[in-house]
Structures are given as structure tokens and as C-alpha cells.
């Protein structure tokens, strides 16, 4: 296990380092609390053994900093102290310490304390993994495996703000599976579900890793293309349209209509950008389907307002 020792007394630090190395751990030493704080932020430190009394930043304040910040995975903290009063231990626990060792630490006791720490850290790792999986499930469309509409809205808001701040374009592609209701009616909902799954997979395979693919609703999907201008977005959209039309569908050919919009300094907000893409999609469907339209080619009858 990677263990950080925060200890300003060289003799104690050397003793702890050698003891931990004999136990098979990988210890690093910080001469004070400030150095320990920097090292915790620079790498994966699951366990900290910190002296209570140190210059610059003592063990209590180091505990408080770690607990009040986000430093990645959980850091298990053992305070090393000669203070043994109940009041002192309560103060340490309130600051965020998990355990205590009395100076000088007994090797057998240290071994047991580290075994306890290892079990607790393993529980934290499992909880973090489960939480990550739950978060992914909450943001994913169950049928197709792409992002859901709620996650799309979150990403859209973030990417639009980023594009405005960096003065870079953001393009949105709305896609609608042509005559999907007729397909469902003719071949049944299980066949329609398979079309949706395959459609989502085609979209994911045809865009960059940092692009966002989401199911917008029903048979409608959306792709967010950061740092992508109108000409580039048209190329992507045509690649998507061609991939769908060229796929070996089981019952009959499937095509898609696409609408594109690209942000500019005149785009009032992210909702207006999606509305432009929706108007372009409507134009593609009105023109006969299986085609791509960029909103810049439209003559808008009414201005977009926030």
C-alpha cells in the first residue's frame, strides 16, 4: 500500500519508513504538513500517518483540509501523537482522523491498525465503484446505451458555456429515424427496439470519443460536437446518414433525417441552438427525408429569443 508519513522528526520518520518497508508497504515521507498536503494532491495516497505536532501545518489542520476538499479517493488518516487524553482524541476525531497511534508506535500494533485501514479502504473503494455505476445508469438510456435526455441537457449547458467562453463553435445534430412508426407497426416493437439499439451503436461508432450521443426521445437522437464548425458538422452528419442507410437492416432499409445547428456569438442560449437544429430537421423531413439540412440554409420566419 502507498503510505504517506508526515513527520518533522527525522529519527521517527526513518523508523516508520523502515518499519513499513519491512511490512511490504511503499512509504513516502513529508517533513511537515504543508509538504504532505501537496503530496496528497499530486498522487494516489490512500493512507496517511501524520504527526500531531508539526511546523507550518499541524496534523489536526491537515486532517481538516483533507476532509473539506476533494482529493480523489478516500484518505485514511492515522494521527501519531504522545497526547493520550480523551479530550485530545475527540478533538482529533472531529478534525477527521480515523485512528490514533501513540509515539513511538509499536510494530505489532501498527500492523493491526494497517490491516483495519486496508479493510475500511476496500469498503470505500467498493462504494465509490457502485456509486459510479449508479451515476452512469442514471445518465444512460436503458434501451440504446447512449446518454439519456437529462444527461444531454447537462452536457449541452456545460459545452455551450465553454464554447461561448472560448469563442469556439458548438454544433448540434438532431436525427430522426424515418417512418419508424410504420416499421414498428409492420414488424413489431421488439424489431423496432433492435433498430433503436443498432442506431445508437452506429452513432457512437461514427463520432469522436469526446462527442456526446444521446437519445432525445422516441426515435429521435442528438449528437453534440464540441469545437466543430458548420462545414465539419455537415461532414459528420453526412457520415452518419450514410452509415445508417448503408447498414444491413433485417426487414427493410432504414434511413434518417438530420438537422444541424452551429453556435455563434449571436446564439442567445443553448435552447435556441437546439431549436435551430429542430427546425433544420423538420426541413429535412419536409423535403423528402433521408437528407441533411443545416440551419444556416433556412429562412427563419421568426427570430429566436431566449
C-alpha atoms as a PDB file:
ATOM      1  CA  UNK A   1       0.000   0.000   0.000  1.00  0.00           C
ATOM      2  CA  UNK A   2       1.175   3.544  -0.729  1.00  0.00           C
ATOM      3  CA  UNK A   3       1.530   5.283   2.648  1.00  0.00           C
ATOM      4  CA  UNK A   4       2.496   8.887   3.313  1.00  0.00           C
ATOM      5  CA  UNK A   5       4.319   9.701   6.540  1.00  0.00           C
ATOM      6  CA  UNK A   6       4.024  13.325   7.686  1.00  0.00           C
ATOM      7  CA  UNK A   7       6.679  13.688  10.372  1.00  0.00           C
ATOM      8  CA  UNK A   8       9.073  16.564  11.140  1.00  0.00           C
ATOM      9  CA  UNK A   9      11.370  14.494  13.386  1.00  0.00           C
ATOM     10  CA  UNK A  10      13.886  12.667  11.122  1.00  0.00           C
ATOM     11  CA  UNK A  11      14.519   9.802  13.573  1.00  0.00           C
ATOM     12  CA  UNK A  12      10.795   8.977  13.903  1.00  0.00           C
ATOM     13  CA  UNK A  13      10.261   9.347  10.152  1.00  0.00           C
ATOM     14  CA  UNK A  14      13.149   6.977   9.391  1.00  0.00           C
ATOM     15  CA  UNK A  15      11.887   4.423  11.914  1.00  0.00           C
ATOM     16  CA  UNK A  16       8.387   4.474  10.429  1.00  0.00           C
ATOM     17  CA  UNK A  17       9.640   4.286   6.844  1.00  0.00           C
ATOM     18  CA  UNK A  18      11.859   1.265   7.519  1.00  0.00           C
ATOM     19  CA  UNK A  19       9.168  -0.476   9.563  1.00  0.00           C
ATOM     20  CA  UNK A  20       6.593  -0.006   6.797  1.00  0.00           C
ATOM     21  CA  UNK A  21       9.033  -1.185   4.131  1.00  0.00           C
ATOM     22  CA  UNK A  22       9.643  -4.396   6.106  1.00  0.00           C
ATOM     23  CA  UNK A  23       5.866  -4.918   6.141  1.00  0.00           C
ATOM     24  CA  UNK A  24       5.814  -4.703   2.338  1.00  0.00           C
ATOM     25  CA  UNK A  25       4.351  -1.215   2.001  1.00  0.00           C
ATOM     26  CA  UNK A  26       5.606   1.701  -0.114  1.00  0.00           C
ATOM     27  CA  UNK A  27       6.087   4.666   2.246  1.00  0.00           C
ATOM     28  CA  UNK A  28       6.932   8.257   1.337  1.00  0.00           C
ATOM     29  CA  UNK A  29       7.959  10.934   3.819  1.00  0.00           C
ATOM     30  CA  UNK A  30       6.850  14.565   4.066  1.00  0.00           C
ATOM     31  CA  UNK A  31       8.789  16.769   6.538  1.00  0.00           C
ATOM     32  CA  UNK A  32       5.739  18.834   7.543  1.00  0.00           C
ATOM     33  CA  UNK A  33       2.009  19.255   6.991  1.00  0.00           C
ATOM     34  CA  UNK A  34       2.296  21.618   4.036  1.00  0.00           C
ATOM     35  CA  UNK A  35       4.542  19.202   2.147  1.00  0.00           C
ATOM     36  CA  UNK A  36       2.149  16.346   2.967  1.00  0.00           C
ATOM     37  CA  UNK A  37      -0.796  18.372   1.680  1.00  0.00           C
ATOM     38  CA  UNK A  38       0.977  18.964  -1.658  1.00  0.00           C
ATOM     39  CA  UNK A  39       1.932  15.288  -1.988  1.00  0.00           C
ATOM     40  CA  UNK A  40      -1.627  14.126  -1.316  1.00  0.00           C
ATOM     41  CA  UNK A  41      -2.810  16.270  -4.213  1.00  0.00           C
ATOM     42  CA  UNK A  42      -0.058  15.103  -6.549  1.00  0.00           C
ATOM     43  CA  UNK A  43      -0.671  11.358  -6.381  1.00  0.00           C
ATOM     44  CA  UNK A  44      -2.702   8.434  -5.098  1.00  0.00           C
ATOM     45  CA  UNK A  45      -2.223   8.396  -1.317  1.00  0.00           C
ATOM     46  CA  UNK A  46      -4.814   6.105   0.292  1.00  0.00           C
ATOM     47  CA  UNK A  47      -3.307   6.240   3.793  1.00  0.00           C
ATOM     48  CA  UNK A  48      -1.643   8.991   5.798  1.00  0.00           C
ATOM     49  CA  UNK A  49       0.253   8.582   9.081  1.00  0.00           C
ATOM     50  CA  UNK A  50       0.661  12.105  10.408  1.00  0.00           C
ATOM     51  CA  UNK A  51       2.316  13.517  13.481  1.00  0.00           C
ATOM     52  CA  UNK A  52       0.019  15.740  15.515  1.00  0.00           C
ATOM     53  CA  UNK A  53       2.585  18.423  16.313  1.00  0.00           C
ATOM     54  CA  UNK A  54       4.351  19.772  13.195  1.00  0.00           C
ATOM     55  CA  UNK A  55       5.570  23.171  11.972  1.00  0.00           C
ATOM     56  CA  UNK A  56       3.742  25.149   9.242  1.00  0.00           C
ATOM     57  CA  UNK A  57       0.674  22.891   9.284  1.00  0.00           C
ATOM     58  CA  UNK A  58      -0.073  20.551  12.168  1.00  0.00           C
ATOM     59  CA  UNK A  59      -1.803  17.194  11.994  1.00  0.00           C
ATOM     60  CA  UNK A  60      -5.226  18.490  13.044  1.00  0.00           C
ATOM     61  CA  UNK A  61      -5.316  21.195  10.380  1.00  0.00           C
ATOM     62  CA  UNK A  62      -4.039  18.730   7.781  1.00  0.00           C
ATOM     63  CA  UNK A  63      -6.956  16.443   8.668  1.00  0.00           C
ATOM     64  CA  UNK A  64      -9.403  19.310   8.300  1.00  0.00           C
ATOM     65  CA  UNK A  65      -8.008  20.281   4.893  1.00  0.00           C
ATOM     66  CA  UNK A  66      -8.246  16.740   3.576  1.00  0.00           C
ATOM     67  CA  UNK A  67     -11.797  16.231   4.794  1.00  0.00           C
ATOM     68  CA  UNK A  68     -13.021  19.593   3.477  1.00  0.00           C
ATOM     69  CA  UNK A  69     -11.557  19.106   0.000  1.00  0.00           C
ATOM     70  CA  UNK A  70     -11.994  16.641  -2.826  1.00  0.00           C
ATOM     71  CA  UNK A  71      -8.720  14.774  -3.212  1.00  0.00           C
ATOM     72  CA  UNK A  72      -9.976  11.796  -5.207  1.00  0.00           C
ATOM     73  CA  UNK A  73     -10.323   8.561  -3.302  1.00  0.00           C
ATOM     74  CA  UNK A  74     -10.832   8.454   0.458  1.00  0.00           C
ATOM     75  CA  UNK A  75      -7.676   9.083   2.520  1.00  0.00           C
ATOM     76  CA  UNK A  76      -7.478   7.063   5.739  1.00  0.00           C
ATOM     77  CA  UNK A  77      -5.733   9.153   8.410  1.00  0.00           C
ATOM     78  CA  UNK A  78      -3.847   7.833  11.447  1.00  0.00           C
ATOM     79  CA  UNK A  79      -2.673  10.532  13.847  1.00  0.00           C
ATOM     80  CA  UNK A  80       0.618   9.874  15.572  1.00  0.00           C
ATOM     81  CA  UNK A  81       0.720  11.543  18.965  1.00  0.00           C
ATOM     82  CA  UNK A  82       2.012  11.427  22.504  1.00  0.00           C
ATOM     83  CA  UNK A  83      -1.252  13.016  23.657  1.00  0.00           C
ATOM     84  CA  UNK A  84      -3.460  10.389  25.219  1.00  0.00           C
ATOM     85  CA  UNK A  85      -6.253  12.318  26.899  1.00  0.00           C
ATOM     86  CA  UNK A  86      -9.868  11.628  25.937  1.00  0.00           C
ATOM     87  CA  UNK A  87     -10.330  15.304  25.022  1.00  0.00           C
ATOM     88  CA  UNK A  88      -7.395  15.164  22.615  1.00  0.00           C
ATOM     89  CA  UNK A  89      -8.699  12.070  20.845  1.00  0.00           C
ATOM     90  CA  UNK A  90     -12.144  13.606  20.486  1.00  0.00           C
ATOM     91  CA  UNK A  91     -10.539  16.712  19.005  1.00  0.00           C
ATOM     92  CA  UNK A  92      -8.664  14.519  16.517  1.00  0.00           C
ATOM     93  CA  UNK A  93     -11.781  12.607  15.521  1.00  0.00           C
ATOM     94  CA  UNK A  94     -13.708  15.834  14.980  1.00  0.00           C
ATOM     95  CA  UNK A  95     -10.890  17.068  12.718  1.00  0.00           C
ATOM     96  CA  UNK A  96     -11.271  13.954  10.561  1.00  0.00           C
ATOM     97  CA  UNK A  97      -8.792  11.401  11.906  1.00  0.00           C
ATOM     98  CA  UNK A  98      -9.747   7.739  11.558  1.00  0.00           C
ATOM     99  CA  UNK A  99      -7.358   6.247  14.103  1.00  0.00           C
ATOM    100  CA  UNK A 100      -4.513   7.055  16.518  1.00  0.00           C
ATOM    101  CA  UNK A 101      -1.079   5.645  17.322  1.00  0.00           C
ATOM    102  CA  UNK A 102       0.945   6.548  20.377  1.00  0.00           C
ATOM    103  CA  UNK A 103       4.563   7.612  19.822  1.00  0.00           C
ATOM    104  CA  UNK A 104       6.731   5.647  19.451  1.00  0.00           C
ATOM    105  CA  UNK A 105       4.442   3.209  17.573  1.00  0.00           C
ATOM    106  CA  UNK A 106       4.664  -0.469  18.425  1.00  0.00           C
ATOM    107  CA  UNK A 107       5.246  -2.555  15.244  1.00  0.00           C
ATOM    108  CA  UNK A 108       2.625  -5.160  16.140  1.00  0.00           C
ATOM    109  CA  UNK A 109       0.025  -2.509  16.890  1.00  0.00           C
ATOM    110  CA  UNK A 110       0.951  -0.693  13.671  1.00  0.00           C
ATOM    111  CA  UNK A 111       0.411  -3.918  11.724  1.00  0.00           C
ATOM    112  CA  UNK A 112      -3.067  -4.403  13.169  1.00  0.00           C
ATOM    113  CA  UNK A 113      -4.026  -0.764  12.590  1.00  0.00           C
ATOM    114  CA  UNK A 114      -2.955  -1.015   8.942  1.00  0.00           C
ATOM    115  CA  UNK A 115      -4.965  -4.208   8.488  1.00  0.00           C
ATOM    116  CA  UNK A 116      -8.048  -2.381   9.782  1.00  0.00           C
ATOM    117  CA  UNK A 117      -7.282   0.561   7.491  1.00  0.00           C
ATOM    118  CA  UNK A 118      -6.957  -1.785   4.499  1.00  0.00           C
ATOM    119  CA  UNK A 119     -10.383  -3.309   5.153  1.00  0.00           C
ATOM    120  CA  UNK A 120     -12.027   0.094   5.516  1.00  0.00           C
ATOM    121  CA  UNK A 121     -10.350   1.440   2.368  1.00  0.00           C
ATOM    122  CA  UNK A 122     -11.545  -1.625   0.444  1.00  0.00           C
ATOM    123  CA  UNK A 123     -15.117  -0.842   1.540  1.00  0.00           C
ATOM    124  CA  UNK A 124     -14.712   2.780   0.406  1.00  0.00           C
ATOM    125  CA  UNK A 125     -13.388   1.634  -2.986  1.00  0.00           C
ATOM    126  CA  UNK A 126     -16.365  -0.689  -3.485  1.00  0.00           C
ATOM    127  CA  UNK A 127     -18.797   2.079  -2.536  1.00  0.00           C
ATOM    128  CA  UNK A 128     -17.139   4.518  -4.948  1.00  0.00           C
ATOM    129  CA  UNK A 129     -17.334   1.948  -7.739  1.00  0.00           C
ATOM    130  CA  UNK A 130     -21.002   1.265  -7.018  1.00  0.00           C
ATOM    131  CA  UNK A 131     -21.771   4.996  -6.908  1.00  0.00           C
ATOM    132  CA  UNK A 132     -20.005   5.474 -10.240  1.00  0.00           C
ATOM    133  CA  UNK A 133     -22.063   2.664 -11.755  1.00  0.00           C
ATOM    134  CA  UNK A 134     -25.289   4.132 -10.366  1.00  0.00           C
ATOM    135  CA  UNK A 135     -24.394   7.558 -11.753  1.00  0.00           C
ATOM    136  CA  UNK A 136     -23.713   6.012 -15.154  1.00  0.00           C
ATOM    137  CA  UNK A 137     -27.022   4.145 -15.086  1.00  0.00           C
ATOM    138  CA  UNK A 138     -28.858   7.342 -14.121  1.00  0.00           C
ATOM    139  CA  UNK A 139     -27.421   9.153 -17.151  1.00  0.00           C
ATOM    140  CA  UNK A 140     -27.792   6.338 -19.722  1.00  0.00           C
ATOM    141  CA  UNK A 141     -30.752   5.358 -21.877  1.00  0.00           C
ATOM    142  CA  UNK A 142     -31.535   1.795 -20.845  1.00  0.00           C
ATOM    143  CA  UNK A 143     -32.516   0.523 -24.296  1.00  0.00           C
ATOM    144  CA  UNK A 144     -29.817   2.006 -26.523  1.00  0.00           C
ATOM    145  CA  UNK A 145     -26.863   2.534 -24.176  1.00  0.00           C
ATOM    146  CA  UNK A 146     -26.358   6.166 -25.230  1.00  0.00           C
ATOM    147  CA  UNK A 147     -26.839   9.116 -22.882  1.00  0.00           C
ATOM    148  CA  UNK A 148     -30.369   9.993 -21.864  1.00  0.00           C
ATOM    149  CA  UNK A 149     -32.108  13.337 -22.354  1.00  0.00           C
ATOM    150  CA  UNK A 150     -31.352  14.563 -18.826  1.00  0.00           C
ATOM    151  CA  UNK A 151     -27.627  13.951 -19.258  1.00  0.00           C
ATOM    152  CA  UNK A 152     -27.772  15.565 -22.708  1.00  0.00           C
ATOM    153  CA  UNK A 153     -29.227  18.730 -21.192  1.00  0.00           C
ATOM    154  CA  UNK A 154     -26.470  18.827 -18.587  1.00  0.00           C
ATOM    155  CA  UNK A 155     -23.738  18.338 -21.190  1.00  0.00           C
ATOM    156  CA  UNK A 156     -25.341  20.847 -23.537  1.00  0.00           C
ATOM    157  CA  UNK A 157     -25.380  23.540 -20.861  1.00  0.00           C
ATOM    158  CA  UNK A 158     -21.759  22.860 -19.962  1.00  0.00           C
ATOM    159  CA  UNK A 159     -20.461  22.683 -23.553  1.00  0.00           C
ATOM    160  CA  UNK A 160     -22.407  25.746 -24.671  1.00  0.00           C
ATOM    161  CA  UNK A 161     -20.953  27.819 -21.817  1.00  0.00           C
ATOM    162  CA  UNK A 162     -17.497  26.502 -22.663  1.00  0.00           C
ATOM    163  CA  UNK A 163     -17.939  27.364 -26.354  1.00  0.00           C
ATOM    164  CA  UNK A 164     -19.060  30.901 -25.504  1.00  0.00           C
ATOM    165  CA  UNK A 165     -16.155  31.377 -23.111  1.00  0.00           C
ATOM    166  CA  UNK A 166     -13.560  30.073 -25.555  1.00  0.00           C
ATOM    167  CA  UNK A 167     -15.241  31.645 -28.592  1.00  0.00           C
ATOM    168  CA  UNK A 168     -15.315  28.278 -30.335  1.00  0.00           C
ATOM    169  CA  UNK A 169     -18.227  26.707 -32.251  1.00  0.00           C
ATOM    170  CA  UNK A 170     -20.533  24.046 -30.880  1.00  0.00           C
ATOM    171  CA  UNK A 171     -22.644  22.040 -33.321  1.00  0.00           C
ATOM    172  CA  UNK A 172     -25.790  20.043 -32.595  1.00  0.00           C
ATOM    173  CA  UNK A 173     -27.191  17.315 -34.840  1.00  0.00           C
ATOM    174  CA  UNK A 174     -30.754  16.122 -34.329  1.00  0.00           C
ATOM    175  CA  UNK A 175     -31.578  12.806 -36.017  1.00  0.00           C
ATOM    176  CA  UNK A 176     -34.971  11.204 -36.567  1.00  0.00           C
ATOM    177  CA  UNK A 177     -35.441   7.621 -37.818  1.00  0.00           C
ATOM    178  CA  UNK A 178     -37.629   7.910 -40.913  1.00  0.00           C
ATOM    179  CA  UNK A 179     -41.062   6.311 -40.756  1.00  0.00           C
ATOM    180  CA  UNK A 180     -40.236   4.493 -37.546  1.00  0.00           C
ATOM    181  CA  UNK A 181     -43.889   4.078 -36.538  1.00  0.00           C
ATOM    182  CA  UNK A 182     -44.570   2.253 -39.788  1.00  0.00           C
ATOM    183  CA  UNK A 183     -41.618  -0.047 -39.052  1.00  0.00           C
ATOM    184  CA  UNK A 184     -42.969  -0.780 -35.570  1.00  0.00           C
ATOM    185  CA  UNK A 185     -46.459  -1.454 -36.903  1.00  0.00           C
ATOM    186  CA  UNK A 186     -45.177  -3.761 -39.647  1.00  0.00           C
ATOM    187  CA  UNK A 187     -42.587  -5.789 -37.743  1.00  0.00           C
ATOM    188  CA  UNK A 188     -43.464  -5.356 -34.062  1.00  0.00           C
ATOM    189  CA  UNK A 189     -41.976  -3.484 -31.148  1.00  0.00           C
ATOM    190  CA  UNK A 190     -39.124  -5.950 -30.477  1.00  0.00           C
ATOM    191  CA  UNK A 191     -37.903  -5.355 -34.034  1.00  0.00           C
ATOM    192  CA  UNK A 192     -38.290  -1.620 -33.507  1.00  0.00           C
ATOM    193  CA  UNK A 193     -36.280  -1.809 -30.286  1.00  0.00           C
ATOM    194  CA  UNK A 194     -33.498  -3.585 -32.152  1.00  0.00           C
ATOM    195  CA  UNK A 195     -33.450  -0.774 -34.711  1.00  0.00           C
ATOM    196  CA  UNK A 196     -33.074   1.759 -31.904  1.00  0.00           C
ATOM    197  CA  UNK A 197     -30.212  -0.222 -30.336  1.00  0.00           C
ATOM    198  CA  UNK A 198     -28.393  -0.585 -33.654  1.00  0.00           C
ATOM    199  CA  UNK A 199     -28.997   3.069 -34.493  1.00  0.00           C
ATOM    200  CA  UNK A 200     -27.470   4.173 -31.182  1.00  0.00           C
ATOM    201  CA  UNK A 201     -24.453   1.898 -31.725  1.00  0.00           C
ATOM    202  CA  UNK A 202     -23.913   3.305 -35.239  1.00  0.00           C
ATOM    203  CA  UNK A 203     -23.903   6.839 -33.873  1.00  0.00           C
ATOM    204  CA  UNK A 204     -21.373   6.029 -31.141  1.00  0.00           C
ATOM    205  CA  UNK A 205     -19.078   4.279 -33.615  1.00  0.00           C
ATOM    206  CA  UNK A 206     -19.210   7.146 -36.113  1.00  0.00           C
ATOM    207  CA  UNK A 207     -18.232  10.099 -33.883  1.00  0.00           C
ATOM    208  CA  UNK A 208     -15.230  11.096 -31.787  1.00  0.00           C
ATOM    209  CA  UNK A 209     -14.727   9.932 -28.235  1.00  0.00           C
ATOM    210  CA  UNK A 210     -15.447  13.368 -26.731  1.00  0.00           C
ATOM    211  CA  UNK A 211     -18.630  13.923 -28.753  1.00  0.00           C
ATOM    212  CA  UNK A 212     -21.921  13.325 -26.922  1.00  0.00           C
ATOM    213  CA  UNK A 213     -24.533  10.919 -28.291  1.00  0.00           C
ATOM    214  CA  UNK A 214     -27.939  10.853 -26.597  1.00  0.00           C
ATOM    215  CA  UNK A 215     -31.466   9.654 -27.142  1.00  0.00           C
ATOM    216  CA  UNK A 216     -33.619  12.755 -27.324  1.00  0.00           C
ATOM    217  CA  UNK A 217     -36.946  10.932 -27.185  1.00  0.00           C
ATOM    218  CA  UNK A 218     -38.698   8.085 -29.022  1.00  0.00           C
ATOM    219  CA  UNK A 219     -36.897   7.572 -32.334  1.00  0.00           C
ATOM    220  CA  UNK A 220     -35.077  10.913 -32.128  1.00  0.00           C
ATOM    221  CA  UNK A 221     -31.388  11.154 -31.214  1.00  0.00           C
ATOM    222  CA  UNK A 222     -28.956  14.017 -30.776  1.00  0.00           C
ATOM    223  CA  UNK A 223     -25.208  14.443 -31.186  1.00  0.00           C
ATOM    224  CA  UNK A 224     -23.182  17.246 -29.596  1.00  0.00           C
ATOM    225  CA  UNK A 225     -19.989  18.187 -31.446  1.00  0.00           C
ATOM    226  CA  UNK A 226     -17.683  20.480 -29.423  1.00  0.00           C
ATOM    227  CA  UNK A 227     -15.279  22.741 -31.326  1.00  0.00           C
ATOM    228  CA  UNK A 228     -16.950  21.803 -34.626  1.00  0.00           C
ATOM    229  CA  UNK A 229     -17.938  24.425 -37.209  1.00  0.00           C
ATOM    230  CA  UNK A 230     -20.793  24.214 -39.715  1.00  0.00           C
ATOM    231  CA  UNK A 231     -18.768  22.644 -42.550  1.00  0.00           C
ATOM    232  CA  UNK A 232     -17.296  19.985 -40.241  1.00  0.00           C
ATOM    233  CA  UNK A 233     -20.700  19.267 -38.732  1.00  0.00           C
ATOM    234  CA  UNK A 234     -22.153  18.729 -42.206  1.00  0.00           C
ATOM    235  CA  UNK A 235     -19.422  16.192 -42.925  1.00  0.00           C
ATOM    236  CA  UNK A 236     -20.177  14.341 -39.699  1.00  0.00           C
ATOM    237  CA  UNK A 237     -23.922  14.396 -40.356  1.00  0.00           C
ATOM    238  CA  UNK A 238     -23.472  13.007 -43.858  1.00  0.00           C
ATOM    239  CA  UNK A 239     -21.245  10.275 -42.490  1.00  0.00           C
ATOM    240  CA  UNK A 240     -23.974   9.370 -40.000  1.00  0.00           C
ATOM    241  CA  UNK A 241     -26.698   9.434 -42.651  1.00  0.00           C
ATOM    242  CA  UNK A 242     -24.627   7.234 -44.979  1.00  0.00           C
ATOM    243  CA  UNK A 243     -23.801   4.774 -42.167  1.00  0.00           C
ATOM    244  CA  UNK A 244     -27.485   4.343 -41.340  1.00  0.00           C
ATOM    245  CA  UNK A 245     -28.575   3.975 -44.966  1.00  0.00           C
ATOM    246  CA  UNK A 246     -25.777   1.504 -45.669  1.00  0.00           C
ATOM    247  CA  UNK A 247     -26.434  -0.725 -42.652  1.00  0.00           C
ATOM    248  CA  UNK A 248     -27.762  -4.244 -43.291  1.00  0.00           C
ATOM    249  CA  UNK A 249     -31.146  -3.886 -41.586  1.00  0.00           C
ATOM    250  CA  UNK A 250     -33.059  -7.168 -41.071  1.00  0.00           C
ATOM    251  CA  UNK A 251     -36.501  -6.351 -42.525  1.00  0.00           C
ATOM    252  CA  UNK A 252     -36.264  -3.318 -44.766  1.00  0.00           C
ATOM    253  CA  UNK A 253     -33.929  -0.359 -45.313  1.00  0.00           C
ATOM    254  CA  UNK A 254     -33.826   2.259 -42.571  1.00  0.00           C
ATOM    255  CA  UNK A 255     -32.892   5.886 -43.171  1.00  0.00           C
ATOM    256  CA  UNK A 256     -32.588   9.003 -41.053  1.00  0.00           C
ATOM    257  CA  UNK A 257     -33.276  12.709 -41.439  1.00  0.00           C
ATOM    258  CA  UNK A 258     -30.870  15.158 -39.841  1.00  0.00           C
ATOM    259  CA  UNK A 259     -30.926  18.785 -38.745  1.00  0.00           C
ATOM    260  CA  UNK A 260     -27.822  20.715 -37.751  1.00  0.00           C
ATOM    261  CA  UNK A 261     -27.197  23.982 -35.952  1.00  0.00           C
ATOM    262  CA  UNK A 262     -23.885  25.621 -35.071  1.00  0.00           C
ATOM    263  CA  UNK A 263     -23.485  28.203 -32.333  1.00  0.00           C
ATOM    264  CA  UNK A 264     -22.143  31.683 -32.927  1.00  0.00           C
ATOM    265  CA  UNK A 265     -21.823  34.920 -30.985  1.00  0.00           C
ATOM    266  CA  UNK A 266     -25.446  35.627 -31.959  1.00  0.00           C
ATOM    267  CA  UNK A 267     -26.875  32.407 -30.498  1.00  0.00           C
ATOM    268  CA  UNK A 268     -28.730  33.591 -27.378  1.00  0.00           C
ATOM    269  CA  UNK A 269     -28.581  30.326 -25.403  1.00  0.00           C
ATOM    270  CA  UNK A 270     -28.351  26.552 -25.689  1.00  0.00           C
ATOM    271  CA  UNK A 271     -32.121  26.118 -26.059  1.00  0.00           C
ATOM    272  CA  UNK A 272     -32.082  28.366 -29.100  1.00  0.00           C
ATOM    273  CA  UNK A 273     -29.341  26.215 -30.609  1.00  0.00           C
ATOM    274  CA  UNK A 274     -31.449  23.067 -30.219  1.00  0.00           C
ATOM    275  CA  UNK A 275     -34.494  24.858 -31.631  1.00  0.00           C
ATOM    276  CA  UNK A 276     -32.498  25.776 -34.734  1.00  0.00           C
ATOM    277  CA  UNK A 277     -31.431  22.162 -35.170  1.00  0.00           C
ATOM    278  CA  UNK A 278     -35.047  21.058 -34.729  1.00  0.00           C
ATOM    279  CA  UNK A 279     -36.192  23.461 -37.453  1.00  0.00           C
ATOM    280  CA  UNK A 280     -33.484  22.137 -39.754  1.00  0.00           C
ATOM    281  CA  UNK A 281     -34.597  18.556 -39.000  1.00  0.00           C
ATOM    282  CA  UNK A 282     -38.188  19.462 -39.843  1.00  0.00           C
ATOM    283  CA  UNK A 283     -36.974  20.917 -43.131  1.00  0.00           C
ATOM    284  CA  UNK A 284     -35.157  17.656 -43.971  1.00  0.00           C
ATOM    285  CA  UNK A 285     -38.302  15.649 -43.324  1.00  0.00           C
ATOM    286  CA  UNK A 286     -40.470  18.018 -45.328  1.00  0.00           C
ATOM    287  CA  UNK A 287     -38.040  17.795 -48.247  1.00  0.00           C
ATOM    288  CA  UNK A 288     -38.430  14.021 -48.518  1.00  0.00           C
ATOM    289  CA  UNK A 289     -36.423  12.515 -45.616  1.00  0.00           C
ATOM    290  CA  UNK A 290     -33.039  10.750 -45.734  1.00  0.00           C
ATOM    291  CA  UNK A 291     -31.254  14.072 -46.045  1.00  0.00           C
ATOM    292  CA  UNK A 292     -29.274  16.614 -44.059  1.00  0.00           C
ATOM    293  CA  UNK A 293     -30.084  20.290 -43.533  1.00  0.00           C
ATOM    294  CA  UNK A 294     -28.051  22.920 -41.723  1.00  0.00           C
ATOM    295  CA  UNK A 295     -29.999  25.693 -40.013  1.00  0.00           C
ATOM    296  CA  UNK A 296     -27.887  28.308 -41.833  1.00  0.00           C
ATOM    297  CA  UNK A 297     -29.739  27.342 -45.025  1.00  0.00           C
ATOM    298  CA  UNK A 298     -33.138  28.096 -43.523  1.00  0.00           C
ATOM    299  CA  UNK A 299     -35.100  31.297 -43.908  1.00  0.00           C
ATOM    300  CA  UNK A 300     -36.465  31.761 -40.400  1.00  0.00           C
ATOM    301  CA  UNK A 301     -39.932  33.289 -40.178  1.00  0.00           C
ATOM    302  CA  UNK A 302     -39.441  34.450 -36.595  1.00  0.00           C
ATOM    303  CA  UNK A 303     -36.371  35.431 -34.597  1.00  0.00           C
ATOM    304  CA  UNK A 304     -35.135  33.209 -31.812  1.00  0.00           C
ATOM    305  CA  UNK A 305     -35.456  34.673 -28.355  1.00  0.00           C
ATOM    306  CA  UNK A 306     -34.011  33.401 -25.062  1.00  0.00           C
END
